[in-house]
C-alpha atoms as a PDB file:
ATOM      1  CA  UNK A   1       0.035  -0.056   0.244  1.00  0.00           C
ATOM      2  CA  UNK A   2       1.226   3.522  -0.855  1.00  0.00           C
ATOM      3  CA  UNK A   3       1.599   6.064   2.010  1.00  0.00           C
ATOM      4  CA  UNK A   4       1.741   9.604   1.460  1.00  0.00           C
ATOM      5  CA  UNK A   5       4.138  12.146   3.442  1.00  0.00           C
ATOM      6  CA  UNK A   6       4.965  15.718   4.253  1.00  0.00           C
ATOM      7  CA  UNK A   7       8.597  16.438   5.240  1.00  0.00           C
ATOM      8  CA  UNK A   8       9.679  19.358   6.976  1.00  0.00           C
ATOM      9  CA  UNK A   9      13.520  20.122   6.801  1.00  0.00           C
ATOM     10  CA  UNK A  10      16.236  22.703   8.020  1.00  0.00           C
ATOM     11  CA  UNK A  11      19.687  23.290   6.143  1.00  0.00           C
ATOM     12  CA  UNK A  12      22.111  26.434   6.092  1.00  0.00           C
ATOM     13  CA  UNK A  13      19.942  27.908   3.473  1.00  0.00           C
ATOM     14  CA  UNK A  14      16.735  27.945   5.287  1.00  0.00           C
ATOM     15  CA  UNK A  15      13.399  25.759   5.568  1.00  0.00           C
ATOM     16  CA  UNK A  16      11.763  23.841   2.867  1.00  0.00           C
ATOM     17  CA  UNK A  17       8.942  20.709   2.503  1.00  0.00           C
ATOM     18  CA  UNK A  18       9.064  17.972   0.262  1.00  0.00           C
ATOM     19  CA  UNK A  19       5.884  15.618  -0.478  1.00  0.00           C
ATOM     20  CA  UNK A  20       7.201  12.433  -0.610  1.00  0.00           C
ATOM     21  CA  UNK A  21       5.258   8.898  -1.405  1.00  0.00           C
ATOM     22  CA  UNK A  22       6.236   5.436  -0.761  1.00  0.00           C
ATOM     23  CA  UNK A  23       5.920   1.906   1.007  1.00  0.00           C
ATOM     24  CA  UNK A  24       7.258   2.870   4.339  1.00  0.00           C
ATOM     25  CA  UNK A  25       8.033   5.417   6.188  1.00  0.00           C
ATOM     26  CA  UNK A  26      10.788   7.659   4.926  1.00  0.00           C
ATOM     27  CA  UNK A  27      14.392   7.123   6.866  1.00  0.00           C
ATOM     28  CA  UNK A  28      16.180  10.131   7.655  1.00  0.00           C
ATOM     29  CA  UNK A  29      18.680   9.105   5.970  1.00  0.00           C
ATOM     30  CA  UNK A  30      16.462   8.829   2.550  1.00  0.00           C
ATOM     31  CA  UNK A  31      15.514  12.399   3.360  1.00  0.00           C
ATOM     32  CA  UNK A  32      18.838  13.935   3.776  1.00  0.00           C
ATOM     33  CA  UNK A  33      20.098  12.387   0.698  1.00  0.00           C
ATOM     34  CA  UNK A  34      17.024  13.317  -1.350  1.00  0.00           C
ATOM     35  CA  UNK A  35      17.527  17.255   0.140  1.00  0.00           C
ATOM     36  CA  UNK A  36      20.808  17.328  -0.599  1.00  0.00           C
ATOM     37  CA  UNK A  37      20.924  15.973  -4.120  1.00  0.00           C
ATOM     38  CA  UNK A  38      18.083  18.676  -4.713  1.00  0.00           C
ATOM     39  CA  UNK A  39      19.519  21.809  -3.061  1.00  0.00           C
ATOM     40  CA  UNK A  40      23.181  21.165  -2.624  1.00  0.00           C
ATOM     41  CA  UNK A  41      22.928  21.514   0.982  1.00  0.00           C
ATOM     42  CA  UNK A  42      25.665  18.990   2.901  1.00  0.00           C
ATOM     43  CA  UNK A  43      23.451  19.696   6.360  1.00  0.00           C
ATOM     44  CA  UNK A  44      19.854  18.784   6.413  1.00  0.00           C
ATOM     45  CA  UNK A  45      17.887  18.477   9.717  1.00  0.00           C
ATOM     46  CA  UNK A  46      14.690  16.680   9.393  1.00  0.00           C
ATOM     47  CA  UNK A  47      12.150  19.244  11.657  1.00  0.00           C
ATOM     48  CA  UNK A  48       8.990  17.287  11.197  1.00  0.00           C
ATOM     49  CA  UNK A  49       7.266  14.058   8.959  1.00  0.00           C
ATOM     50  CA  UNK A  50       3.480  14.166   8.677  1.00  0.00           C
ATOM     51  CA  UNK A  51       1.432  11.319   7.344  1.00  0.00           C
ATOM     52  CA  UNK A  52      -1.611  11.988   5.244  1.00  0.00           C
ATOM     53  CA  UNK A  53      -4.245   9.594   5.978  1.00  0.00           C
ATOM     54  CA  UNK A  54      -5.187   8.736   2.086  1.00  0.00           C
ATOM     55  CA  UNK A  55      -4.041   9.629  -1.125  1.00  0.00           C
ATOM     56  CA  UNK A  56      -6.915  12.337  -1.814  1.00  0.00           C
ATOM     57  CA  UNK A  57      -5.660  14.874   1.130  1.00  0.00           C
ATOM     58  CA  UNK A  58      -2.223  14.538  -0.038  1.00  0.00           C
ATOM     59  CA  UNK A  59      -3.631  15.668  -3.359  1.00  0.00           C
ATOM     60  CA  UNK A  60      -5.417  18.204  -2.315  1.00  0.00           C
ATOM     61  CA  UNK A  61      -2.806  19.451  -0.178  1.00  0.00           C
ATOM     62  CA  UNK A  62      -0.335  19.506  -2.867  1.00  0.00           C
ATOM     63  CA  UNK A  63      -3.191  21.532  -4.685  1.00  0.00           C
ATOM     64  CA  UNK A  64      -3.607  24.136  -2.030  1.00  0.00           C
ATOM     65  CA  UNK A  65       0.696  24.603  -1.655  1.00  0.00           C
END
């Protein structure tokens, strides 16, 4: 079953958010690698991981943001 997440993180460049989908809860290592790859930041602190109840909530959130 696919799961839906909103991850908030902090880097030396500032705060950010990413939406992820996957079979498992995203590990800190995965989030750090993902953010580093997309932002170039070497230091990434995961602040919060929120799991959506279902795909519809996830899609509604993405439309608003």
